[in-house]
């Protein structure tokens, strides 16, 4: 029946079919007149409603839920885009004025009931960042972690089949004023010194000195930074 109606409309052999054809064509391809000022006002209202909605969700739902999972109340805590995913046994402490993207995840290793994640003051953790805690992950003050960064507090599964059920876990420390650029991968417990910058796409497999630019795969010191 629908196909028959479509064919009759396409033929346009009557006044009704011609009218229906024009209506369908306008619905598919038509546009409203170029009322630019009106459309800008509509777009502005759309943006303001979106901002108000997300702010209310953060204020009344996401922030209280996250605060309930912390060992102590985090003053000035901000969230972007929802609630972070928290999986496994992990104790979380966050300092003052930190900002976390809701699209990040925190994983406590199931073999350790005492996993701890400590995030300092004035830190930022970006979109799609994942933090896996083996024993303890300590992130200092004023640390910036860009999107799609992976931080692993254990070395994962061993190459030998006999070692795959016993990952090597240890503390991972990121000191103050460190910047982890986009898509960094810290693939085992390491110590990253104060003020260092980990370049985009770097694979960190060893400790990083203070105040260096560290990059590559595997990562190495590129140069020392002026302090």
N, C-alpha and C. Protein backbone atom coordinates (compact mmCIF):
# COMPACT_ATOMS: atom_id res chain seq x y z
N UNK A 1 0.82 -1.21 0.00
CA UNK A 1 0.00 0.00 0.00
C UNK A 1 0.86 1.27 0.00
N UNK A 2 1.91 1.25 0.81
CA UNK A 2 2.80 2.41 0.89
C UNK A 2 3.52 2.63 -0.43
N UNK A 3 4.01 1.53 -1.03
CA UNK A 3 4.70 1.65 -2.32
C UNK A 3 3.77 2.16 -3.41
N UNK A 4 2.52 1.73 -3.38
CA UNK A 4 1.54 2.21 -4.36
C UNK A 4 1.31 3.71 -4.19
N UNK A 5 1.20 4.16 -2.95
CA UNK A 5 1.02 5.59 -2.68
C UNK A 5 2.21 6.38 -3.17
N UNK A 6 3.42 5.88 -2.94
CA UNK A 6 4.63 6.57 -3.40
C UNK A 6 4.64 6.70 -4.91
N UNK A 7 4.28 5.63 -5.60
CA UNK A 7 4.27 5.69 -7.07
C UNK A 7 3.25 6.70 -7.57
N UNK A 8 2.08 6.73 -6.95
CA UNK A 8 1.04 7.67 -7.38
C UNK A 8 1.46 9.12 -7.15
N UNK A 9 2.15 9.35 -6.02
CA UNK A 9 2.63 10.71 -5.75
C UNK A 9 3.69 11.12 -6.76
N UNK A 10 4.61 10.21 -7.10
CA UNK A 10 5.67 10.52 -8.06
C UNK A 10 5.12 10.82 -9.45
N UNK A 11 4.02 10.19 -9.81
CA UNK A 11 3.44 10.42 -11.14
C UNK A 11 2.93 11.85 -11.30
N UNK A 12 2.45 12.45 -10.23
CA UNK A 12 1.92 13.82 -10.25
C UNK A 12 0.86 14.00 -11.35
N UNK A 13 -0.02 13.03 -11.45
CA UNK A 13 -1.03 13.08 -12.50
C UNK A 13 -2.35 13.65 -12.01
N UNK A 14 -2.33 14.26 -10.83
CA UNK A 14 -3.53 14.92 -10.32
C UNK A 14 -3.11 16.07 -9.43
N UNK A 15 -4.05 16.94 -9.14
CA UNK A 15 -3.75 18.09 -8.28
C UNK A 15 -3.32 17.63 -6.89
N UNK A 16 -3.99 16.61 -6.37
CA UNK A 16 -3.66 16.10 -5.04
C UNK A 16 -2.26 15.51 -5.00
N UNK A 17 -1.91 14.70 -6.01
CA UNK A 17 -0.59 14.08 -6.04
C UNK A 17 0.51 15.13 -6.20
N UNK A 18 0.23 16.18 -6.99
CA UNK A 18 1.20 17.26 -7.13
C UNK A 18 1.44 17.98 -5.81
N UNK A 19 0.33 18.23 -5.09
CA UNK A 19 0.45 18.90 -3.80
C UNK A 19 1.22 18.03 -2.80
N UNK A 20 0.89 16.75 -2.77
CA UNK A 20 1.58 15.83 -1.86
C UNK A 20 3.06 15.73 -2.21
N UNK A 21 3.38 15.73 -3.51
CA UNK A 21 4.77 15.64 -3.94
C UNK A 21 5.56 16.85 -3.44
N UNK A 22 4.96 18.05 -3.55
CA UNK A 22 5.63 19.25 -3.08
C UNK A 22 5.83 19.24 -1.56
N UNK A 23 4.82 18.74 -0.86
CA UNK A 23 4.94 18.66 0.60
C UNK A 23 6.06 17.71 1.01
N UNK A 24 6.10 16.53 0.37
CA UNK A 24 7.14 15.55 0.69
C UNK A 24 8.52 16.09 0.34
N UNK A 25 8.63 16.74 -0.81
CA UNK A 25 9.92 17.29 -1.23
C UNK A 25 10.40 18.37 -0.28
N UNK A 26 9.46 19.22 0.18
CA UNK A 26 9.85 20.27 1.13
C UNK A 26 10.28 19.66 2.46
N UNK A 27 9.54 18.64 2.90
CA UNK A 27 9.89 17.99 4.16
C UNK A 27 11.27 17.35 4.10
N UNK A 28 11.66 16.87 2.90
CA UNK A 28 12.94 16.18 2.75
C UNK A 28 14.09 17.13 2.48
N UNK A 29 13.86 18.14 1.64
CA UNK A 29 14.96 19.01 1.21
C UNK A 29 14.78 20.48 1.59
N UNK A 30 13.59 20.85 2.02
CA UNK A 30 13.30 22.26 2.22
C UNK A 30 14.00 22.88 3.42
N UNK A 31 14.12 24.18 3.41
CA UNK A 31 14.68 24.94 4.52
C UNK A 31 13.82 26.16 4.78
N UNK A 32 13.90 26.65 6.01
CA UNK A 32 13.19 27.87 6.36
C UNK A 32 13.94 29.08 5.80
N UNK A 33 13.28 30.21 5.71
CA UNK A 33 13.94 31.42 5.21
C UNK A 33 15.14 31.78 6.09
N UNK A 34 16.11 32.50 5.53
CA UNK A 34 17.35 32.83 6.27
C UNK A 34 17.14 33.92 7.31
N UNK A 35 16.45 33.57 8.40
CA UNK A 35 16.22 34.52 9.49
C UNK A 35 17.36 34.37 10.50
N UNK A 36 18.51 34.91 10.16
CA UNK A 36 19.74 34.65 10.90
C UNK A 36 19.65 35.05 12.37
N UNK A 37 19.12 36.22 12.63
CA UNK A 37 19.05 36.69 14.02
C UNK A 37 18.16 35.77 14.85
N UNK A 38 17.03 35.36 14.29
CA UNK A 38 16.13 34.46 15.00
C UNK A 38 16.82 33.13 15.29
N UNK A 39 17.52 32.60 14.30
CA UNK A 39 18.19 31.30 14.49
C UNK A 39 19.32 31.40 15.51
N UNK A 40 19.99 32.54 15.55
CA UNK A 40 21.03 32.73 16.56
C UNK A 40 20.43 32.74 17.96
N UNK A 41 19.27 33.36 18.10
CA UNK A 41 18.59 33.36 19.39
C UNK A 41 18.15 31.95 19.78
N UNK A 42 17.66 31.19 18.81
CA UNK A 42 17.27 29.81 19.07
C UNK A 42 18.48 28.99 19.52
N UNK A 43 19.61 29.17 18.81
CA UNK A 43 20.83 28.45 19.17
C UNK A 43 21.32 28.85 20.56
N UNK A 44 21.23 30.14 20.88
CA UNK A 44 21.65 30.62 22.20
C UNK A 44 20.79 29.99 23.29
N UNK A 45 19.48 29.93 23.06
CA UNK A 45 18.58 29.29 24.04
C UNK A 45 18.93 27.81 24.20
N UNK A 46 19.22 27.16 23.08
CA UNK A 46 19.59 25.75 23.11
C UNK A 46 20.85 25.53 23.95
N UNK A 47 21.87 26.38 23.75
CA UNK A 47 23.11 26.25 24.51
C UNK A 47 22.89 26.53 25.99
N UNK A 48 22.11 27.58 26.29
CA UNK A 48 21.88 27.93 27.69
C UNK A 48 21.10 26.83 28.42
N UNK A 49 20.12 26.24 27.74
CA UNK A 49 19.37 25.14 28.36
C UNK A 49 20.27 23.94 28.60
N UNK A 50 21.18 23.67 27.65
CA UNK A 50 22.12 22.56 27.83
C UNK A 50 23.05 22.79 28.99
N UNK A 51 23.57 24.02 29.10
CA UNK A 51 24.47 24.35 30.21
C UNK A 51 23.74 24.22 31.55
N UNK A 52 22.51 24.76 31.61
CA UNK A 52 21.74 24.69 32.85
C UNK A 52 21.43 23.25 33.24
N UNK A 53 21.07 22.44 32.24
CA UNK A 53 20.75 21.03 32.51
C UNK A 53 21.96 20.28 33.06
N UNK A 54 23.11 20.43 32.38
CA UNK A 54 24.31 19.71 32.82
C UNK A 54 24.80 20.22 34.17
N UNK A 55 24.65 21.52 34.42
CA UNK A 55 25.05 22.05 35.72
C UNK A 55 24.19 21.47 36.84
N UNK A 56 22.89 21.38 36.60
CA UNK A 56 22.00 20.80 37.61
C UNK A 56 22.32 19.32 37.84
N UNK A 57 22.61 18.59 36.76
CA UNK A 57 22.97 17.18 36.90
C UNK A 57 24.24 17.04 37.74
N UNK A 58 25.24 17.90 37.46
CA UNK A 58 26.48 17.85 38.24
C UNK A 58 26.22 18.19 39.71
N UNK A 59 25.47 19.27 39.94
CA UNK A 59 25.28 19.78 41.29
C UNK A 59 24.47 18.83 42.17
N UNK A 60 23.43 18.25 41.60
CA UNK A 60 22.49 17.47 42.41
C UNK A 60 22.65 15.96 42.30
N UNK A 61 23.39 15.48 41.29
CA UNK A 61 23.50 14.02 41.10
C UNK A 61 24.96 13.57 41.06
N UNK A 62 25.73 14.02 40.06
CA UNK A 62 27.06 13.47 39.84
C UNK A 62 28.03 13.81 40.97
N UNK A 63 28.10 15.09 41.37
CA UNK A 63 29.03 15.47 42.44
C UNK A 63 28.71 14.79 43.77
N UNK A 64 27.45 14.76 44.21
CA UNK A 64 27.17 14.02 45.46
C UNK A 64 27.52 12.54 45.37
N UNK A 65 27.28 11.92 44.21
CA UNK A 65 27.63 10.50 44.07
C UNK A 65 29.13 10.30 44.19
N UNK A 66 29.92 11.17 43.52
CA UNK A 66 31.37 11.03 43.59
C UNK A 66 31.88 11.31 45.00
N UNK A 67 31.37 12.37 45.64
CA UNK A 67 31.81 12.69 47.00
C UNK A 67 31.54 11.52 47.95
N UNK A 68 30.47 10.77 47.70
CA UNK A 68 30.14 9.64 48.57
C UNK A 68 31.16 8.51 48.48
N UNK A 69 31.97 8.51 47.41
CA UNK A 69 32.96 7.45 47.22
C UNK A 69 34.35 7.86 47.70
N UNK A 70 34.48 9.07 48.23
CA UNK A 70 35.79 9.57 48.67
C UNK A 70 35.98 9.36 50.16
N UNK A 71 37.25 9.31 50.56
CA UNK A 71 37.56 9.13 51.98
C UNK A 71 37.30 10.40 52.78
N UNK A 72 37.33 11.56 52.10
CA UNK A 72 37.03 12.82 52.76
C UNK A 72 36.45 13.78 51.74
N UNK A 73 35.73 14.78 52.22
CA UNK A 73 35.07 15.74 51.34
C UNK A 73 36.11 16.55 50.57
N UNK A 74 35.93 16.66 49.26
CA UNK A 74 36.85 17.41 48.40
C UNK A 74 36.26 18.78 48.11
N UNK A 75 36.87 19.83 48.66
CA UNK A 75 36.37 21.18 48.45
C UNK A 75 36.66 21.65 47.02
N UNK A 76 35.69 22.34 46.44
CA UNK A 76 35.88 22.91 45.11
C UNK A 76 35.98 21.89 44.00
N UNK A 77 35.55 20.67 44.23
CA UNK A 77 35.63 19.62 43.21
C UNK A 77 34.71 19.94 42.04
N UNK A 78 35.22 19.76 40.82
CA UNK A 78 34.43 19.99 39.62
C UNK A 78 34.41 18.72 38.77
N UNK A 79 33.28 18.54 38.08
CA UNK A 79 33.13 17.41 37.16
C UNK A 79 32.73 17.92 35.79
N UNK A 80 33.28 17.30 34.76
CA UNK A 80 32.87 17.58 33.39
C UNK A 80 32.19 16.34 32.81
N UNK A 81 30.99 16.52 32.30
CA UNK A 81 30.34 15.46 31.50
C UNK A 81 30.03 14.18 32.27
N UNK A 82 29.55 14.30 33.49
CA UNK A 82 29.04 13.11 34.14
C UNK A 82 29.89 12.57 35.27
N UNK A 83 29.63 11.30 35.58
CA UNK A 83 30.23 10.62 36.73
C UNK A 83 31.31 9.65 36.27
N UNK A 84 32.54 9.74 36.81
CA UNK A 84 33.58 8.77 36.46
C UNK A 84 33.18 7.35 36.81
N UNK A 85 33.68 6.40 36.03
CA UNK A 85 33.45 4.98 36.30
C UNK A 85 34.44 4.51 37.36
N UNK A 86 33.93 3.92 38.44
CA UNK A 86 34.78 3.39 39.51
C UNK A 86 34.52 1.90 39.62
N UNK A 87 35.59 1.10 39.45
CA UNK A 87 35.45 -0.36 39.42
C UNK A 87 36.44 -0.97 40.40
N UNK A 88 36.00 -1.95 41.16
CA UNK A 88 36.91 -2.69 42.03
C UNK A 88 37.15 -2.02 43.37
N UNK A 89 37.92 -2.69 44.23
CA UNK A 89 38.19 -2.16 45.57
C UNK A 89 39.25 -1.06 45.52
N UNK A 90 38.84 0.18 45.72
CA UNK A 90 39.81 1.28 45.68
C UNK A 90 39.33 2.39 46.60
N UNK A 91 40.26 2.87 47.43
CA UNK A 91 40.01 4.01 48.31
C UNK A 91 40.51 5.27 47.59
N UNK A 92 39.64 6.28 47.48
CA UNK A 92 39.95 7.46 46.67
C UNK A 92 39.97 8.70 47.54
N UNK A 93 41.05 9.48 47.40
CA UNK A 93 41.16 10.76 48.08
C UNK A 93 41.48 11.83 47.04
N UNK A 94 40.74 12.93 47.06
CA UNK A 94 40.94 14.02 46.10
C UNK A 94 41.12 15.32 46.86
N UNK A 95 42.11 16.11 46.47
CA UNK A 95 42.38 17.38 47.12
C UNK A 95 41.41 18.47 46.71
N UNK A 96 41.75 19.70 47.06
CA UNK A 96 40.88 20.84 46.80
C UNK A 96 41.01 21.33 45.36
N UNK A 97 39.88 21.80 44.82
CA UNK A 97 39.84 22.48 43.52
C UNK A 97 40.33 21.60 42.37
N UNK A 98 40.07 20.32 42.46
CA UNK A 98 40.41 19.41 41.36
C UNK A 98 39.25 19.37 40.36
N UNK A 99 39.57 19.02 39.12
CA UNK A 99 38.56 18.90 38.08
C UNK A 99 38.77 17.59 37.35
N UNK A 100 37.72 16.77 37.30
CA UNK A 100 37.78 15.45 36.65
C UNK A 100 36.76 15.40 35.53
N UNK A 101 37.14 14.79 34.42
CA UNK A 101 36.18 14.55 33.35
C UNK A 101 35.38 13.30 33.67
N UNK A 102 34.07 13.36 33.48
CA UNK A 102 33.22 12.23 33.81
C UNK A 102 33.43 11.02 32.94
N UNK A 103 34.13 11.19 31.81
CA UNK A 103 34.39 10.06 30.91
C UNK A 103 35.67 9.33 31.27
N UNK A 104 36.21 9.55 32.46
CA UNK A 104 37.40 8.82 32.90
C UNK A 104 36.98 7.60 33.71
N UNK A 105 37.95 6.72 34.00
CA UNK A 105 37.65 5.52 34.78
C UNK A 105 38.75 5.27 35.80
N UNK A 106 38.36 4.68 36.92
CA UNK A 106 39.28 4.32 38.00
C UNK A 106 39.05 2.86 38.34
N UNK A 107 40.13 2.07 38.28
CA UNK A 107 40.02 0.63 38.52
C UNK A 107 40.95 0.22 39.66
N UNK A 108 40.41 -0.44 40.66
CA UNK A 108 41.22 -1.06 41.70
C UNK A 108 41.45 -2.52 41.36
N UNK A 109 42.70 -2.98 41.48
CA UNK A 109 42.98 -4.37 41.12
C UNK A 109 42.25 -5.32 42.07
N UNK A 110 41.53 -6.31 41.53
CA UNK A 110 40.71 -7.18 42.39
C UNK A 110 41.51 -8.04 43.36
N UNK A 111 42.83 -8.21 43.10
CA UNK A 111 43.64 -9.03 44.00
C UNK A 111 44.14 -8.27 45.22
N UNK A 112 43.86 -6.97 45.27
CA UNK A 112 44.32 -6.15 46.40
C UNK A 112 43.14 -5.38 46.97
N UNK A 113 42.77 -5.69 48.19
CA UNK A 113 41.64 -5.02 48.83
C UNK A 113 42.03 -3.66 49.41
N UNK A 114 43.32 -3.30 49.32
CA UNK A 114 43.80 -2.06 49.94
C UNK A 114 44.27 -1.04 48.89
N UNK A 115 43.73 -1.08 47.70
CA UNK A 115 44.13 -0.14 46.65
C UNK A 115 43.81 1.30 47.08
N UNK A 116 44.75 2.22 46.80
CA UNK A 116 44.56 3.62 47.16
C UNK A 116 44.90 4.52 45.98
N UNK A 117 44.03 5.48 45.72
CA UNK A 117 44.28 6.53 44.73
C UNK A 117 44.23 7.86 45.46
N UNK A 118 45.34 8.61 45.38
CA UNK A 118 45.43 9.92 46.03
C UNK A 118 45.68 10.96 44.94
N UNK A 119 44.77 11.92 44.83
CA UNK A 119 44.88 13.00 43.85
C UNK A 119 45.02 14.30 44.63
N UNK A 120 46.02 15.10 44.29
CA UNK A 120 46.31 16.32 45.04
C UNK A 120 45.42 17.50 44.67
N UNK A 121 45.83 18.68 45.15
CA UNK A 121 45.09 19.92 44.90
C UNK A 121 45.30 20.41 43.47
N UNK A 122 44.27 21.08 42.94
CA UNK A 122 44.38 21.81 41.66
C UNK A 122 44.78 20.91 40.49
N UNK A 123 44.34 19.68 40.51
CA UNK A 123 44.65 18.74 39.42
C UNK A 123 43.55 18.74 38.38
N UNK A 124 43.93 18.40 37.16
CA UNK A 124 42.94 18.21 36.09
C UNK A 124 43.19 16.85 35.45
N UNK A 125 42.12 16.06 35.30
CA UNK A 125 42.20 14.75 34.65
C UNK A 125 41.20 14.73 33.50
N UNK A 126 41.70 14.49 32.29
CA UNK A 126 40.91 14.69 31.09
C UNK A 126 40.09 13.50 30.62
N UNK A 127 39.51 13.70 29.47
CA UNK A 127 38.55 12.81 28.83
C UNK A 127 39.15 11.44 28.50
N UNK A 128 38.44 10.39 28.84
CA UNK A 128 38.81 9.01 28.54
C UNK A 128 40.15 8.59 29.16
N UNK A 129 40.52 9.22 30.24
CA UNK A 129 41.71 8.78 30.97
C UNK A 129 41.35 7.60 31.87
N UNK A 130 42.23 6.61 31.92
CA UNK A 130 42.02 5.45 32.77
C UNK A 130 43.13 5.31 33.78
N UNK A 131 42.78 5.11 35.04
CA UNK A 131 43.76 4.92 36.12
C UNK A 131 43.51 3.56 36.74
N UNK A 132 44.51 2.67 36.66
CA UNK A 132 44.42 1.35 37.28
C UNK A 132 45.36 1.31 38.47
N UNK A 133 44.82 1.00 39.64
CA UNK A 133 45.59 1.02 40.88
C UNK A 133 45.99 -0.40 41.24
N UNK A 134 47.33 -0.62 41.40
CA UNK A 134 47.81 -1.91 41.87
C UNK A 134 47.87 -1.94 43.39
N UNK A 135 48.71 -1.06 43.97
CA UNK A 135 48.74 -0.88 45.42
C UNK A 135 48.34 0.56 45.76
N UNK A 136 49.12 1.52 45.25
CA UNK A 136 48.82 2.92 45.50
C UNK A 136 49.25 3.76 44.30
N UNK A 137 48.40 4.67 43.87
CA UNK A 137 48.73 5.67 42.86
C UNK A 137 48.61 7.04 43.52
N UNK A 138 49.71 7.79 43.51
CA UNK A 138 49.74 9.11 44.14
C UNK A 138 49.98 10.15 43.05
N UNK A 139 49.06 11.08 42.91
CA UNK A 139 49.17 12.17 41.95
C UNK A 139 49.29 13.46 42.75
N UNK A 140 50.38 14.19 42.54
CA UNK A 140 50.67 15.38 43.33
C UNK A 140 49.78 16.56 43.02
N UNK A 141 50.19 17.73 43.49
CA UNK A 141 49.43 18.96 43.28
C UNK A 141 49.71 19.55 41.91
N UNK A 142 48.69 20.22 41.37
CA UNK A 142 48.82 20.96 40.11
C UNK A 142 49.31 20.07 38.97
N UNK A 143 48.79 18.87 38.91
CA UNK A 143 49.13 17.92 37.84
C UNK A 143 48.05 18.00 36.76
N UNK A 144 48.48 18.10 35.50
CA UNK A 144 47.55 18.12 34.37
C UNK A 144 47.67 16.81 33.60
N UNK A 145 46.56 16.11 33.44
CA UNK A 145 46.55 14.84 32.72
C UNK A 145 45.57 14.99 31.56
N UNK A 146 46.10 14.99 30.34
CA UNK A 146 45.26 15.20 29.16
C UNK A 146 44.47 13.94 28.82
N UNK A 147 43.59 14.08 27.85
CA UNK A 147 42.68 13.00 27.49
C UNK A 147 43.38 11.77 26.94
N UNK A 148 42.69 10.63 27.11
CA UNK A 148 43.13 9.33 26.59
C UNK A 148 44.47 8.88 27.15
N UNK A 149 44.77 9.29 28.36
CA UNK A 149 45.98 8.84 29.03
C UNK A 149 45.67 7.60 29.86
N UNK A 150 46.56 6.62 29.81
CA UNK A 150 46.40 5.40 30.59
C UNK A 150 47.49 5.33 31.66
N UNK A 151 47.09 5.16 32.90
CA UNK A 151 48.02 5.09 34.02
C UNK A 151 47.81 3.76 34.72
N UNK A 152 48.83 2.90 34.69
CA UNK A 152 48.69 1.56 35.25
C UNK A 152 49.63 1.36 36.42
N UNK A 153 49.06 1.05 37.59
CA UNK A 153 49.85 0.82 38.79
C UNK A 153 50.32 -0.62 38.94
N UNK A 154 50.24 -1.40 37.88
CA UNK A 154 50.84 -2.74 37.87
C UNK A 154 51.31 -3.03 36.46
N UNK A 155 52.19 -4.00 36.32
CA UNK A 155 52.84 -4.26 35.02
C UNK A 155 52.02 -5.17 34.12
N UNK A 156 50.81 -5.49 34.52
CA UNK A 156 49.97 -6.34 33.68
C UNK A 156 50.39 -7.80 33.75
N UNK A 157 49.96 -8.56 32.78
CA UNK A 157 50.25 -9.99 32.75
C UNK A 157 51.66 -10.24 32.22
N UNK A 158 52.36 -11.19 32.82
CA UNK A 158 53.68 -11.56 32.35
C UNK A 158 53.64 -12.28 31.03
N UNK A 159 54.79 -12.36 30.36
CA UNK A 159 54.87 -13.06 29.08
C UNK A 159 54.68 -14.56 29.27
N UNK A 160 55.27 -15.10 30.32
CA UNK A 160 55.12 -16.52 30.61
C UNK A 160 53.71 -16.83 31.06
N UNK A 161 53.17 -17.94 30.58
CA UNK A 161 51.81 -18.33 30.96
C UNK A 161 51.70 -18.58 32.45
N UNK A 162 52.81 -18.94 33.10
CA UNK A 162 52.80 -19.21 34.54
C UNK A 162 52.76 -17.93 35.37
N UNK A 163 53.02 -16.78 34.74
CA UNK A 163 53.06 -15.51 35.47
C UNK A 163 51.82 -14.65 35.23
N UNK A 164 50.92 -15.11 34.39
CA UNK A 164 49.83 -14.23 33.97
C UNK A 164 48.80 -13.97 35.05
N UNK A 165 48.74 -14.84 36.04
CA UNK A 165 47.78 -14.63 37.13
C UNK A 165 48.39 -13.87 38.30
N UNK A 166 49.66 -13.46 38.17
CA UNK A 166 50.34 -12.78 39.28
C UNK A 166 51.02 -11.51 38.79
N UNK A 167 50.25 -10.47 38.46
CA UNK A 167 50.86 -9.22 37.99
C UNK A 167 51.69 -8.57 39.10
N UNK A 168 52.77 -7.91 38.69
CA UNK A 168 53.64 -7.24 39.66
C UNK A 168 53.06 -5.86 39.97
N UNK A 169 52.69 -5.67 41.23
CA UNK A 169 52.05 -4.43 41.65
C UNK A 169 52.97 -3.64 42.56
N UNK A 170 52.96 -2.33 42.41
CA UNK A 170 53.77 -1.46 43.26
C UNK A 170 53.16 -0.06 43.24
N UNK A 171 53.75 0.84 44.03
CA UNK A 171 53.26 2.22 44.07
C UNK A 171 53.68 2.97 42.81
N UNK A 172 52.80 3.83 42.34
CA UNK A 172 53.08 4.70 41.20
C UNK A 172 52.93 6.13 41.69
N UNK A 173 53.96 6.96 41.46
CA UNK A 173 53.96 8.32 41.98
C UNK A 173 54.17 9.32 40.85
N UNK A 174 53.29 10.30 40.78
CA UNK A 174 53.43 11.43 39.85
C UNK A 174 53.54 12.68 40.72
N UNK A 175 54.70 13.32 40.72
CA UNK A 175 54.94 14.44 41.63
C UNK A 175 54.28 15.73 41.13
N UNK A 176 54.44 16.80 41.90
CA UNK A 176 53.77 18.07 41.63
C UNK A 176 54.16 18.65 40.26
N UNK A 177 53.21 19.38 39.67
CA UNK A 177 53.44 20.20 38.47
C UNK A 177 53.82 19.38 37.24
N UNK A 178 53.45 18.13 37.21
CA UNK A 178 53.70 17.30 36.03
C UNK A 178 52.58 17.50 35.02
N UNK A 179 52.92 17.43 33.75
CA UNK A 179 51.93 17.50 32.66
C UNK A 179 52.05 16.23 31.83
N UNK A 180 51.00 15.44 31.82
CA UNK A 180 50.93 14.27 30.95
C UNK A 180 50.10 14.65 29.73
N UNK A 181 50.73 14.70 28.57
CA UNK A 181 50.04 15.12 27.35
C UNK A 181 49.14 13.99 26.81
N UNK A 182 48.40 14.32 25.78
CA UNK A 182 47.39 13.41 25.24
C UNK A 182 47.96 12.04 24.87
N UNK A 183 47.21 11.01 25.25
CA UNK A 183 47.49 9.63 24.82
C UNK A 183 48.79 9.07 25.37
N UNK A 184 49.21 9.53 26.54
CA UNK A 184 50.36 8.90 27.21
C UNK A 184 49.94 7.55 27.79
N UNK A 185 50.89 6.64 27.89
CA UNK A 185 50.63 5.34 28.49
C UNK A 185 51.73 5.05 29.51
N UNK A 186 51.36 5.03 30.78
CA UNK A 186 52.28 4.61 31.84
C UNK A 186 51.97 3.15 32.11
N UNK A 187 52.83 2.28 31.63
CA UNK A 187 52.47 0.85 31.55
C UNK A 187 52.96 0.03 32.74
N UNK A 188 53.61 0.66 33.70
CA UNK A 188 54.04 -0.06 34.91
C UNK A 188 54.26 0.96 36.02
N UNK A 189 54.37 0.51 37.27
CA UNK A 189 54.60 1.45 38.37
C UNK A 189 55.93 2.18 38.21
N UNK A 190 55.88 3.50 38.12
CA UNK A 190 57.08 4.32 37.96
C UNK A 190 56.97 5.52 38.88
N UNK A 191 58.05 6.30 38.91
CA UNK A 191 58.09 7.55 39.67
C UNK A 191 58.41 8.67 38.69
N UNK A 192 57.51 9.64 38.57
CA UNK A 192 57.70 10.77 37.66
C UNK A 192 58.01 12.00 38.49
N UNK A 193 59.18 12.60 38.24
CA UNK A 193 59.66 13.71 39.05
C UNK A 193 58.93 15.01 38.81
N UNK A 194 59.10 15.96 39.74
CA UNK A 194 58.41 17.25 39.70
C UNK A 194 58.68 18.01 38.40
N UNK A 195 57.63 18.66 37.91
CA UNK A 195 57.78 19.59 36.80
C UNK A 195 58.05 18.98 35.45
N UNK A 196 58.03 17.68 35.33
CA UNK A 196 58.32 17.05 34.04
C UNK A 196 57.10 17.06 33.12
N UNK A 197 57.37 17.02 31.83
CA UNK A 197 56.33 16.97 30.80
C UNK A 197 56.49 15.67 30.03
N UNK A 198 55.43 14.88 29.98
CA UNK A 198 55.44 13.63 29.22
C UNK A 198 54.76 13.90 27.89
N UNK A 199 55.50 13.79 26.80
CA UNK A 199 55.00 14.17 25.48
C UNK A 199 53.85 13.29 25.03
N UNK A 200 53.07 13.81 24.10
CA UNK A 200 51.91 13.09 23.58
C UNK A 200 52.33 11.75 22.98
N UNK A 201 51.57 10.71 23.30
CA UNK A 201 51.83 9.39 22.75
C UNK A 201 52.98 8.64 23.38
N UNK A 202 53.57 9.18 24.43
CA UNK A 202 54.73 8.54 25.05
C UNK A 202 54.33 7.26 25.78
N UNK A 203 55.21 6.25 25.72
CA UNK A 203 55.06 5.02 26.48
C UNK A 203 56.09 5.05 27.60
N UNK A 204 55.62 5.20 28.83
CA UNK A 204 56.52 5.34 29.98
C UNK A 204 56.73 3.97 30.62
N UNK A 205 57.98 3.51 30.60
CA UNK A 205 58.31 2.18 31.15
C UNK A 205 59.33 2.26 32.28
N UNK A 206 59.81 3.48 32.60
CA UNK A 206 60.82 3.63 33.64
C UNK A 206 60.63 4.96 34.35
N UNK A 207 61.36 5.15 35.44
CA UNK A 207 61.25 6.39 36.21
C UNK A 207 61.67 7.59 35.37
N UNK A 208 61.06 8.74 35.68
CA UNK A 208 61.32 9.98 34.94
C UNK A 208 61.93 11.00 35.91
N UNK A 209 63.08 11.60 35.55
CA UNK A 209 63.70 12.60 36.44
C UNK A 209 62.83 13.86 36.54
N UNK A 210 63.24 14.77 37.43
CA UNK A 210 62.54 16.04 37.56
C UNK A 210 62.86 16.96 36.38
N UNK A 211 61.86 17.78 36.01
CA UNK A 211 62.04 18.89 35.06
C UNK A 211 62.66 18.46 33.74
N UNK A 212 62.07 17.44 33.13
CA UNK A 212 62.54 17.01 31.81
C UNK A 212 61.34 16.90 30.87
N UNK A 213 61.64 16.99 29.57
CA UNK A 213 60.68 16.61 28.54
C UNK A 213 60.97 15.17 28.18
N UNK A 214 59.99 14.33 28.37
CA UNK A 214 60.16 12.88 28.24
C UNK A 214 59.21 12.40 27.16
N UNK A 215 59.72 11.71 26.13
CA UNK A 215 58.83 11.28 25.05
C UNK A 215 59.39 10.11 24.29
N UNK A 216 58.55 9.57 23.40
CA UNK A 216 58.96 8.46 22.55
C UNK A 216 58.38 7.14 22.99
N UNK A 217 58.71 6.11 22.22
CA UNK A 217 58.26 4.74 22.49
C UNK A 217 59.43 3.78 22.27
N UNK A 218 60.03 3.26 23.36
CA UNK A 218 59.75 3.60 24.77
C UNK A 218 60.26 5.00 25.12
N UNK A 219 59.72 5.56 26.18
CA UNK A 219 60.04 6.93 26.53
C UNK A 219 61.48 7.12 26.98
N UNK A 220 62.03 8.29 26.67
CA UNK A 220 63.38 8.65 27.10
C UNK A 220 63.44 10.17 27.29
N UNK A 221 64.48 10.63 27.97
CA UNK A 221 64.65 12.06 28.20
C UNK A 221 65.04 12.73 26.88
N UNK A 222 64.23 13.72 26.47
CA UNK A 222 64.54 14.47 25.25
C UNK A 222 65.41 15.68 25.57
N UNK A 223 65.04 16.40 26.60
CA UNK A 223 65.87 17.52 27.06
C UNK A 223 65.42 17.93 28.46
N UNK A 224 66.27 18.70 29.11
CA UNK A 224 65.93 19.24 30.43
C UNK A 224 65.22 20.57 30.26
N UNK A 225 64.28 20.85 31.15
CA UNK A 225 63.48 22.06 31.07
C UNK A 225 64.05 23.13 31.99
N UNK A 226 63.92 24.39 31.56
CA UNK A 226 64.34 25.50 32.41
C UNK A 226 63.33 25.68 33.53
N UNK A 227 63.81 25.87 34.74
CA UNK A 227 62.91 26.02 35.89
C UNK A 227 62.95 27.45 36.42
